Amino acid sequence: MEVVKAVDVSSIMDILKKTLGIGEEYSVIIAVWQQEIGNDKVTLCGYKNGTLFAQAPSTIYINDLNLRKKQIIQKINQYLGKNFIKNIKCEIK
């Protein structure tokens, strides 16, 4: 029988925060993103230094995102209660 060691979850979260940019705020960001974007074509890929990174299947979705970028950033920061997101960058998948 193999013995499984317990792992400290906080250390796993620290690794995720450092390598993937995923923190406590990320779940809030995802919820607001889904509400504001309103489709599953533009997907979040990550976060780093105040910038959200996303991917879209075509320039049509990227143009739409760029038109609403300021509004989306304001809404996310409003839910977070701080000026956390400064920019959104989107590229074609």
PDB file of N, CA and C in Angstrom:
ATOM      1  N   MET A   1       0.838  -1.180   0.000  1.00  0.00           N
ATOM      2  CA  MET A   1       0.000   0.000   0.000  1.00  0.00           C
ATOM      3  C   MET A   1       0.882   1.241   0.000  1.00  0.00           C
ATOM      4  N   GLU A   2       0.560   2.165  -0.886  1.00  0.00           N
ATOM      5  CA  GLU A   2       1.357   3.389  -1.036  1.00  0.00           C
ATOM      6  C   GLU A   2       0.821   4.482  -0.116  1.00  0.00           C
ATOM      7  N   VAL A   3       1.729   5.183   0.536  1.00  0.00           N
ATOM      8  CA  VAL A   3       1.350   6.274   1.426  1.00  0.00           C
ATOM      9  C   VAL A   3       1.375   7.580   0.647  1.00  0.00           C
ATOM     10  N   VAL A   4       0.294   8.334   0.745  1.00  0.00           N
ATOM     11  CA  VAL A   4       0.198   9.618   0.051  1.00  0.00           C
ATOM     12  C   VAL A   4       0.450  10.729   1.060  1.00  0.00           C
ATOM     13  N   LYS A   5       1.373  11.622   0.720  1.00  0.00           N
ATOM     14  CA  LYS A   5       1.686  12.737   1.609  1.00  0.00           C
ATOM     15  C   LYS A   5       0.700  13.877   1.390  1.00  0.00           C
ATOM     16  N   ALA A   6       0.349  14.529   2.460  1.00  0.00           N
ATOM     17  CA  ALA A   6      -0.517  15.711   2.363  1.00  0.00           C
ATOM     18  C   ALA A   6       0.295  16.870   1.806  1.00  0.00           C
ATOM     19  N   VAL A   7      -0.327  17.655   0.979  1.00  0.00           N
ATOM     20  CA  VAL A   7       0.333  18.798   0.359  1.00  0.00           C
ATOM     21  C   VAL A   7      -0.340  20.074   0.857  1.00  0.00           C
ATOM     22  N   ASP A   8       0.470  21.060   1.180  1.00  0.00           N
ATOM     23  CA  ASP A   8      -0.044  22.348   1.621  1.00  0.00           C
ATOM     24  C   ASP A   8      -0.623  23.087   0.420  1.00  0.00           C
ATOM     25  N   VAL A   9      -1.922  23.314   0.438  1.00  0.00           N
ATOM     26  CA  VAL A   9      -2.615  23.949  -0.685  1.00  0.00           C
ATOM     27  C   VAL A   9      -2.106  25.368  -0.913  1.00  0.00           C
ATOM     28  N   SER A  10      -1.730  26.069   0.131  1.00  0.00           N
ATOM     29  CA  SER A  10      -1.249  27.449  -0.042  1.00  0.00           C
ATOM     30  C   SER A  10       0.012  27.499  -0.893  1.00  0.00           C
ATOM     31  N   SER A  11       0.865  26.479  -0.791  1.00  0.00           N
ATOM     32  CA  SER A  11       2.065  26.466  -1.632  1.00  0.00           C
ATOM     33  C   SER A  11       1.706  26.237  -3.096  1.00  0.00           C
ATOM     34  N   ILE A  12       0.671  25.434  -3.337  1.00  0.00           N
ATOM     35  CA  ILE A  12       0.212  25.216  -4.716  1.00  0.00           C
ATOM     36  C   ILE A  12      -0.346  26.523  -5.282  1.00  0.00           C
ATOM     37  N   MET A  13      -1.134  27.244  -4.474  1.00  0.00           N
ATOM     38  CA  MET A  13      -1.687  28.527  -4.921  1.00  0.00           C
ATOM     39  C   MET A  13      -0.573  29.526  -5.211  1.00  0.00           C
ATOM     40  N   ASP A  14       0.478  29.521  -4.398  1.00  0.00           N
ATOM     41  CA  ASP A  14       1.612  30.418  -4.647  1.00  0.00           C
ATOM     42  C   ASP A  14       2.257  30.114  -5.990  1.00  0.00           C
ATOM     43  N   ILE A  15       2.409  28.833  -6.303  1.00  0.00           N
ATOM     44  CA  ILE A  15       2.989  28.430  -7.588  1.00  0.00           C
ATOM     45  C   ILE A  15       2.094  28.884  -8.736  1.00  0.00           C
ATOM     46  N   LEU A  16       0.771  28.686  -8.609  1.00  0.00           N
ATOM     47  CA  LEU A  16      -0.155  29.112  -9.655  1.00  0.00           C
ATOM     48  C   LEU A  16      -0.117  30.623  -9.848  1.00  0.00           C
ATOM     49  N   LYS A  17      -0.046  31.366  -8.752  1.00  0.00           N
ATOM     50  CA  LYS A  17       0.015  32.822  -8.846  1.00  0.00           C
ATOM     51  C   LYS A  17       1.272  33.270  -9.588  1.00  0.00           C
ATOM     52  N   LYS A  18       2.407  32.666  -9.254  1.00  0.00           N
ATOM     53  CA  LYS A  18       3.674  33.077  -9.854  1.00  0.00           C
ATOM     54  C   LYS A  18       3.796  32.658 -11.316  1.00  0.00           C
ATOM     55  N   THR A  19       3.407  31.427 -11.618  1.00  0.00           N
ATOM     56  CA  THR A  19       3.636  30.926 -12.973  1.00  0.00           C
ATOM     57  C   THR A  19       2.513  31.240 -13.949  1.00  0.00           C
ATOM     58  N   LEU A  20       1.270  31.236 -13.480  1.00  0.00           N
ATOM     59  CA  LEU A  20       0.146  31.429 -14.386  1.00  0.00           C
ATOM     60  C   LEU A  20      -0.568  32.760 -14.208  1.00  0.00           C
ATOM     61  N   GLY A  21      -0.220  33.492 -13.169  1.00  0.00           N
ATOM     62  CA  GLY A  21      -0.902  34.753 -12.916  1.00  0.00           C
ATOM     63  C   GLY A  21      -2.294  34.559 -12.362  1.00  0.00           C
ATOM     64  N   ILE A  22      -2.536  33.397 -11.748  1.00  0.00           N
ATOM     65  CA  ILE A  22      -3.854  33.092 -11.215  1.00  0.00           C
ATOM     66  C   ILE A  22      -3.848  33.334  -9.714  1.00  0.00           C
ATOM     67  N   GLY A  23      -4.699  34.234  -9.260  1.00  0.00           N
ATOM     68  CA  GLY A  23      -4.837  34.521  -7.845  1.00  0.00           C
ATOM     69  C   GLY A  23      -6.284  34.493  -7.441  1.00  0.00           C
ATOM     70  N   GLU A  24      -6.552  35.012  -6.246  1.00  0.00           N
ATOM     71  CA  GLU A  24      -7.920  35.046  -5.755  1.00  0.00           C
ATOM     72  C   GLU A  24      -8.815  35.881  -6.665  1.00  0.00           C
ATOM     73  N   GLU A  25      -8.238  36.888  -7.284  1.00  0.00           N
ATOM     74  CA  GLU A  25      -9.003  37.783  -8.148  1.00  0.00           C
ATOM     75  C   GLU A  25      -9.455  37.105  -9.433  1.00  0.00           C
ATOM     76  N   TYR A  26      -8.782  36.044  -9.814  1.00  0.00           N
ATOM     77  CA  TYR A  26      -9.032  35.442 -11.120  1.00  0.00           C
ATOM     78  C   TYR A  26     -10.459  34.930 -11.276  1.00  0.00           C
ATOM     79  N   SER A  27     -11.024  34.357 -10.216  1.00  0.00           N
ATOM     80  CA  SER A  27     -12.400  33.852 -10.317  1.00  0.00           C
ATOM     81  C   SER A  27     -13.390  34.994 -10.524  1.00  0.00           C
ATOM     82  N   VAL A  28     -13.139  36.139  -9.897  1.00  0.00           N
ATOM     83  CA  VAL A  28     -13.983  37.322 -10.096  1.00  0.00           C
ATOM     84  C   VAL A  28     -13.835  37.814 -11.531  1.00  0.00           C
ATOM     85  N   ILE A  29     -12.607  37.861 -12.003  1.00  0.00           N
ATOM     86  CA  ILE A  29     -12.338  38.324 -13.366  1.00  0.00           C
ATOM     87  C   ILE A  29     -13.061  37.439 -14.380  1.00  0.00           C
ATOM     88  N   ILE A  30     -13.004  36.131 -14.194  1.00  0.00           N
ATOM     89  CA  ILE A  30     -13.661  35.202 -15.125  1.00  0.00           C
ATOM     90  C   ILE A  30     -15.173  35.425 -15.132  1.00  0.00           C
ATOM     91  N   ALA A  31     -15.762  35.587 -13.958  1.00  0.00           N
ATOM     92  CA  ALA A  31     -17.213  35.785 -13.871  1.00  0.00           C
ATOM     93  C   ALA A  31     -17.640  37.072 -14.576  1.00  0.00           C
ATOM     94  N   VAL A  32     -16.928  38.160 -14.330  1.00  0.00           N
ATOM     95  CA  VAL A  32     -17.254  39.439 -14.971  1.00  0.00           C
ATOM     96  C   VAL A  32     -16.997  39.344 -16.472  1.00  0.00           C
ATOM     97  N   TRP A  33     -15.908  38.696 -16.858  1.00  0.00           N
ATOM     98  CA  TRP A  33     -15.570  38.520 -18.274  1.00  0.00           C
ATOM     99  C   TRP A  33     -16.711  37.824 -19.009  1.00  0.00           C
ATOM    100  N   GLN A  34     -17.190  36.723 -18.465  1.00  0.00           N
ATOM    101  CA  GLN A  34     -18.273  35.977 -19.113  1.00  0.00           C
ATOM    102  C   GLN A  34     -19.543  36.811 -19.213  1.00  0.00           C
ATOM    103  N   GLN A  35     -19.812  37.593 -18.192  1.00  0.00           N
ATOM    104  CA  GLN A  35     -20.996  38.453 -18.195  1.00  0.00           C
ATOM    105  C   GLN A  35     -20.863  39.565 -19.224  1.00  0.00           C
ATOM    106  N   GLU A  36     -19.699  40.188 -19.310  1.00  0.00           N
ATOM    107  CA  GLU A  36     -19.497  41.335 -20.201  1.00  0.00           C
ATOM    108  C   GLU A  36     -19.291  40.927 -21.655  1.00  0.00           C
ATOM    109  N   ILE A  37     -18.549  39.871 -21.894  1.00  0.00           N
ATOM    110  CA  ILE A  37     -18.267  39.443 -23.268  1.00  0.00           C
ATOM    111  C   ILE A  37     -19.517  38.809 -23.882  1.00  0.00           C
ATOM    112  N   GLY A  38     -20.195  37.960 -23.136  1.00  0.00           N
ATOM    113  CA  GLY A  38     -21.453  37.399 -23.591  1.00  0.00           C
ATOM    114  C   GLY A  38     -21.346  36.302 -24.642  1.00  0.00           C
ATOM    115  N   ASN A  39     -20.145  35.816 -24.889  1.00  0.00           N
ATOM    116  CA  ASN A  39     -20.002  34.674 -25.792  1.00  0.00           C
ATOM    117  C   ASN A  39     -18.789  33.853 -25.368  1.00  0.00           C
ATOM    118  N   ASP A  40     -18.675  32.669 -25.952  1.00  0.00           N
ATOM    119  CA  ASP A  40     -17.548  31.807 -25.590  1.00  0.00           C
ATOM    120  C   ASP A  40     -16.454  31.815 -26.661  1.00  0.00           C
ATOM    121  N   LYS A  41     -16.544  32.742 -27.588  1.00  0.00           N
ATOM    122  CA  LYS A  41     -15.555  32.821 -28.673  1.00  0.00           C
ATOM    123  C   LYS A  41     -14.254  33.494 -28.231  1.00  0.00           C
ATOM    124  N   VAL A  42     -14.368  34.492 -27.350  1.00  0.00           N
ATOM    125  CA  VAL A  42     -13.189  35.191 -26.838  1.00  0.00           C
ATOM    126  C   VAL A  42     -12.879  34.603 -25.474  1.00  0.00           C
ATOM    127  N   THR A  43     -11.724  33.962 -25.357  1.00  0.00           N
ATOM    128  CA  THR A  43     -11.387  33.268 -24.116  1.00  0.00           C
ATOM    129  C   THR A  43     -10.192  33.911 -23.429  1.00  0.00           C
ATOM    130  N   LEU A  44     -10.260  33.930 -22.109  1.00  0.00           N
ATOM    131  CA  LEU A  44      -9.141  34.437 -21.319  1.00  0.00           C
ATOM    132  C   LEU A  44      -8.030  33.404 -21.293  1.00  0.00           C
ATOM    133  N   CYS A  45      -6.796  33.889 -21.423  1.00  0.00           N
ATOM    134  CA  CYS A  45      -5.646  32.978 -21.398  1.00  0.00           C
ATOM    135  C   CYS A  45      -4.771  33.191 -20.176  1.00  0.00           C
ATOM    136  N   GLY A  46      -4.839  34.370 -19.588  1.00  0.00           N
ATOM    137  CA  GLY A  46      -4.002  34.617 -18.427  1.00  0.00           C
ATOM    138  C   GLY A  46      -3.940  36.079 -18.046  1.00  0.00           C
ATOM    139  N   TYR A  47      -3.101  36.349 -17.081  1.00  0.00           N
ATOM    140  CA  TYR A  47      -2.935  37.685 -16.529  1.00  0.00           C
ATOM    141  C   TYR A  47      -1.471  37.879 -16.146  1.00  0.00           C
ATOM    142  N   LYS A  48      -0.947  39.078 -16.419  1.00  0.00           N
ATOM    143  CA  LYS A  48       0.404  39.404 -15.981  1.00  0.00           C
ATOM    144  C   LYS A  48       0.572  40.911 -15.929  1.00  0.00           C
ATOM    145  N   ASN A  49       1.033  41.403 -14.790  1.00  0.00           N
ATOM    146  CA  ASN A  49       1.360  42.824 -14.608  1.00  0.00           C
ATOM    147  C   ASN A  49       0.245  43.769 -15.052  1.00  0.00           C
ATOM    148  N   GLY A  50      -0.984  43.488 -14.658  1.00  0.00           N
ATOM    149  CA  GLY A  50      -2.089  44.383 -14.961  1.00  0.00           C
ATOM    150  C   GLY A  50      -2.724  44.194 -16.321  1.00  0.00           C
ATOM    151  N   THR A  51      -2.269  43.221 -17.080  1.00  0.00           N
ATOM    152  CA  THR A  51      -2.810  42.970 -18.418  1.00  0.00           C
ATOM    153  C   THR A  51      -3.474  41.610 -18.485  1.00  0.00           C
ATOM    154  N   LEU A  52      -4.710  41.581 -18.983  1.00  0.00           N
ATOM    155  CA  LEU A  52      -5.395  40.326 -19.274  1.00  0.00           C
ATOM    156  C   LEU A  52      -5.061  39.923 -20.699  1.00  0.00           C
ATOM    157  N   PHE A  53      -4.817  38.647 -20.917  1.00  0.00           N
ATOM    158  CA  PHE A  53      -4.534  38.134 -22.252  1.00  0.00           C
ATOM    159  C   PHE A  53      -5.686  37.240 -22.688  1.00  0.00           C
ATOM    160  N   ALA A  54      -6.139  37.455 -23.916  1.00  0.00           N
ATOM    161  CA  ALA A  54      -7.277  36.708 -24.445  1.00  0.00           C
ATOM    162  C   ALA A  54      -6.978  36.260 -25.867  1.00  0.00           C
ATOM    163  N   GLN A  55      -7.778  35.304 -26.336  1.00  0.00           N
ATOM    164  CA  GLN A  55      -7.676  34.825 -27.711  1.00  0.00           C
ATOM    165  C   GLN A  55      -9.061  34.792 -28.327  1.00  0.00           C
ATOM    166  N   ALA A  56      -9.110  35.082 -29.627  1.00  0.00           N
ATOM    167  CA  ALA A  56     -10.380  35.088 -30.368  1.00  0.00           C
ATOM    168  C   ALA A  56     -10.156  34.410 -31.720  1.00  0.00           C
ATOM    169  N   PRO A  57     -11.229  33.859 -32.307  1.00  0.00           N
ATOM    170  CA  PRO A  57     -11.084  33.143 -33.578  1.00  0.00           C
ATOM    171  C   PRO A  57     -10.914  34.041 -34.802  1.00  0.00           C
ATOM    172  N   SER A  58     -11.278  35.343 -34.672  1.00  0.00           N
ATOM    173  CA  SER A  58     -11.150  36.231 -35.835  1.00  0.00           C
ATOM    174  C   SER A  58     -11.011  37.686 -35.383  1.00  0.00           C
ATOM    175  N   THR A  59     -10.660  38.524 -36.340  1.00  0.00           N
ATOM    176  CA  THR A  59     -10.486  39.950 -36.036  1.00  0.00           C
ATOM    177  C   THR A  59     -11.811  40.633 -35.692  1.00  0.00           C
ATOM    178  N   ILE A  60     -12.913  40.064 -36.108  1.00  0.00           N
ATOM    179  CA  ILE A  60     -14.227  40.638 -35.771  1.00  0.00           C
ATOM    180  C   ILE A  60     -14.384  40.690 -34.254  1.00  0.00           C
ATOM    181  N   TYR A  61     -14.059  39.597 -33.584  1.00  0.00           N
ATOM    182  CA  TYR A  61     -14.181  39.543 -32.127  1.00  0.00           C
ATOM    183  C   TYR A  61     -13.151  40.448 -31.447  1.00  0.00           C
ATOM    184  N   ILE A  62     -11.967  40.516 -32.026  1.00  0.00           N
ATOM    185  CA  ILE A  62     -10.928  41.381 -31.465  1.00  0.00           C
ATOM    186  C   ILE A  62     -11.347  42.849 -31.575  1.00  0.00           C
ATOM    187  N   ASN A  63     -11.892  43.240 -32.717  1.00  0.00           N
ATOM    188  CA  ASN A  63     -12.365  44.614 -32.891  1.00  0.00           C
ATOM    189  C   ASN A  63     -13.477  44.950 -31.913  1.00  0.00           C
ATOM    190  N   ASP A  64     -14.414  44.026 -31.716  1.00  0.00           N
ATOM    191  CA  ASP A  64     -15.488  44.236 -30.755  1.00  0.00           C
ATOM    192  C   ASP A  64     -14.919  44.407 -29.347  1.00  0.00           C
ATOM    193  N   LEU A  65     -13.964  43.562 -28.993  1.00  0.00           N
ATOM    194  CA  LEU A  65     -13.329  43.660 -27.673  1.00  0.00           C
ATOM    195  C   LEU A  65     -12.622  45.000 -27.519  1.00  0.00           C
ATOM    196  N   ASN A  66     -11.905  45.422 -28.541  1.00  0.00           N
ATOM    197  CA  ASN A  66     -11.182  46.699 -28.471  1.00  0.00           C
ATOM    198  C   ASN A  66     -12.134  47.883 -28.317  1.00  0.00           C
ATOM    199  N   LEU A  67     -13.306  47.812 -28.936  1.00  0.00           N
ATOM    200  CA  LEU A  67     -14.289  48.885 -28.795  1.00  0.00           C
ATOM    201  C   LEU A  67     -14.835  48.971 -27.371  1.00  0.00           C
ATOM    202  N   ARG A  68     -14.940  47.822 -26.701  1.00  0.00           N
ATOM    203  CA  ARG A  68     -15.516  47.778 -25.351  1.00  0.00           C
ATOM    204  C   ARG A  68     -14.479  47.605 -24.246  1.00  0.00           C
ATOM    205  N   LYS A  69     -13.209  47.657 -24.619  1.00  0.00           N
ATOM    206  CA  LYS A  69     -12.124  47.382 -23.678  1.00  0.00           C
ATOM    207  C   LYS A  69     -12.185  48.252 -22.424  1.00  0.00           C
ATOM    208  N   LYS A  70     -12.353  49.544 -22.598  1.00  0.00           N
ATOM    209  CA  LYS A  70     -12.368  50.463 -21.459  1.00  0.00           C
ATOM    210  C   LYS A  70     -13.518  50.125 -20.505  1.00  0.00           C
ATOM    211  N   GLN A  71     -14.685  49.862 -21.058  1.00  0.00           N
ATOM    212  CA  GLN A  71     -15.867  49.511 -20.261  1.00  0.00           C
ATOM    213  C   GLN A  71     -15.641  48.198 -19.497  1.00  0.00           C
ATOM    214  N   ILE A  72     -15.063  47.210 -20.160  1.00  0.00           N
ATOM    215  CA  ILE A  72     -14.816  45.907 -19.528  1.00  0.00           C
ATOM    216  C   ILE A  72     -13.812  46.049 -18.391  1.00  0.00           C
ATOM    217  N   ILE A  73     -12.737  46.810 -18.627  1.00  0.00           N
ATOM    218  CA  ILE A  73     -11.723  47.033 -17.590  1.00  0.00           C
ATOM    219  C   ILE A  73     -12.336  47.732 -16.384  1.00  0.00           C
ATOM    220  N   GLN A  74     -13.152  48.757 -16.629  1.00  0.00           N
ATOM    221  CA  GLN A  74     -13.802  49.474 -15.526  1.00  0.00           C
ATOM    222  C   GLN A  74     -14.710  48.549 -14.725  1.00  0.00           C
ATOM    223  N   LYS A  75     -15.457  47.698 -15.401  1.00  0.00           N
ATOM    224  CA  LYS A  75     -16.391  46.790 -14.736  1.00  0.00           C
ATOM    225  C   LYS A  75     -15.638  45.770 -13.876  1.00  0.00           C
ATOM    226  N   ILE A  76     -14.561  45.198 -14.428  1.00  0.00           N
ATOM    227  CA  ILE A  76     -13.767  44.227 -13.662  1.00  0.00           C
ATOM    228  C   ILE A  76     -13.169  44.887 -12.425  1.00  0.00           C
ATOM    229  N   ASN A  77     -12.569  46.068 -12.609  1.00  0.00           N
ATOM    230  CA  ASN A  77     -11.960  46.765 -11.476  1.00  0.00           C
ATOM    231  C   ASN A  77     -12.996  47.175 -10.433  1.00  0.00           C
ATOM    232  N   GLN A  78     -14.190  47.501 -10.885  1.00  0.00           N
ATOM    233  CA  GLN A  78     -15.278  47.845  -9.965  1.00  0.00           C
ATOM    234  C   GLN A  78     -15.621  46.638  -9.075  1.00  0.00           C
ATOM    235  N   TYR A  79     -15.726  45.464  -9.668  1.00  0.00           N
ATOM    236  CA  TYR A  79     -16.031  44.257  -8.897  1.00  0.00           C
ATOM    237  C   TYR A  79     -14.887  43.874  -7.964  1.00  0.00           C
ATOM    238  N   LEU A  80     -13.642  44.125  -8.399  1.00  0.00           N
ATOM    239  CA  LEU A  80     -12.491  43.796  -7.560  1.00  0.00           C
ATOM    240  C   LEU A  80     -12.280  44.822  -6.444  1.00  0.00           C
ATOM    241  N   GLY A  81     -12.822  46.014  -6.639  1.00  0.00           N
ATOM    242  CA  GLY A  81     -12.675  47.056  -5.631  1.00  0.00           C
ATOM    243  C   GLY A  81     -11.318  47.734  -5.656  1.00  0.00           C
ATOM    244  N   LYS A  82     -10.587  47.550  -6.738  1.00  0.00           N
ATOM    245  CA  LYS A  82      -9.278  48.206  -6.886  1.00  0.00           C
ATOM    246  C   LYS A  82      -8.910  48.270  -8.361  1.00  0.00           C
ATOM    247  N   ASN A  83      -7.958  49.119  -8.676  1.00  0.00           N
ATOM    248  CA  ASN A  83      -7.512  49.314 -10.057  1.00  0.00           C
ATOM    249  C   ASN A  83      -6.497  48.227 -10.415  1.00  0.00           C
ATOM    250  N   PHE A  84      -6.999  47.014 -10.623  1.00  0.00           N
ATOM    251  CA  PHE A  84      -6.162  45.830 -10.811  1.00  0.00           C
ATOM    252  C   PHE A  84      -5.808  45.607 -12.280  1.00  0.00           C
ATOM    253  N   ILE A  85      -6.794  45.761 -13.162  1.00  0.00           N
ATOM    254  CA  ILE A  85      -6.599  45.536 -14.599  1.00  0.00           C
ATOM    255  C   ILE A  85      -6.365  46.872 -15.287  1.00  0.00           C
ATOM    256  N   LYS A  86      -5.298  46.946 -16.077  1.00  0.00           N
ATOM    257  CA  LYS A  86      -4.951  48.173 -16.784  1.00  0.00           C
ATOM    258  C   LYS A  86      -5.151  48.056 -18.294  1.00  0.00           C
ATOM    259  N   ASN A  87      -5.066  46.803 -18.803  1.00  0.00           N
ATOM    260  CA  ASN A  87      -5.125  46.616 -20.249  1.00  0.00           C
ATOM    261  C   ASN A  87      -5.632  45.209 -20.576  1.00  0.00           C
ATOM    262  N   ILE A  88      -6.140  45.053 -21.786  1.00  0.00           N
ATOM    263  CA  ILE A  88      -6.522  43.741 -22.304  1.00  0.00           C
ATOM    264  C   ILE A  88      -5.890  43.601 -23.678  1.00  0.00           C
ATOM    265  N   LYS A  89      -5.168  42.512 -23.872  1.00  0.00           N
ATOM    266  CA  LYS A  89      -4.553  42.211 -25.168  1.00  0.00           C
ATOM    267  C   LYS A  89      -5.188  40.947 -25.717  1.00  0.00           C
ATOM    268  N   CYS A  90      -5.560  41.010 -26.992  1.00  0.00           N
ATOM    269  CA  CYS A  90      -6.226  39.865 -27.603  1.00  0.00           C
ATOM    270  C   CYS A  90      -5.539  39.524 -28.920  1.00  0.00           C
ATOM    271  N   GLU A  91      -5.386  38.235 -29.157  1.00  0.00           N
ATOM    272  CA  GLU A  91      -4.786  37.764 -30.414  1.00  0.00           C
ATOM    273  C   GLU A  91      -5.653  36.690 -31.017  1.00  0.00           C
ATOM    274  N   ILE A  92      -5.405  36.402 -32.286  1.00  0.00           N
ATOM    275  CA  ILE A  92      -6.164  35.359 -32.991  1.00  0.00           C
ATOM    276  C   ILE A  92      -5.622  33.992 -32.571  1.00  0.00           C
ATOM    277  N   LYS A  93      -6.551  33.061 -32.324  1.00  0.00           N
ATOM    278  CA  LYS A  93      -6.186  31.692 -31.928  1.00  0.00           C
ATOM    279  C   LYS A  93      -5.449  31.002 -33.036  1.00  0.00           C
TER     280      LYS A  93
END
